[in-house]
Amino acid sequence: MKAREKDQILSEIQADTLDYKNAIHGEIISELERSGYVDITRTKDGSFFDITDKGRTFLNSGGFSTIEKEKTKSKYNKALIWIICAISTAIIGAIISLIVNPQ
């Protein structure tokens, strides 16, 4: 599931507007419960979902979308560092080569 979908479901639980469909929401709801973002009360009449304080704080800080953006940003930063290191190494190697073997 996409981060945006998880955030949407968590927002709907917070607003008490979730139209629960087990086939669609079951996996995400279970993940939210394991993470401590949602409390599930199961009765003979069905399941009831409440957002926890941890879930409310998580959602207010950007939720899963923010985590996904940070991961993507981190990957780009690592790639950029590798590129800079490779270019720097090539330049330093060329300078050393010119110093050792002047022509």
Foldseek 3Di string as FASTA:
>chain_A
DDFVVLLVQLVCLAVVNDPDDCVPCVVSVVVCVVVVQWDWDQDPVGIRIHGDPVNVVCSVVPGSVVVVVVVVVVVVVVVVVVVVVVVVVVVVVVVVCCVVDPD
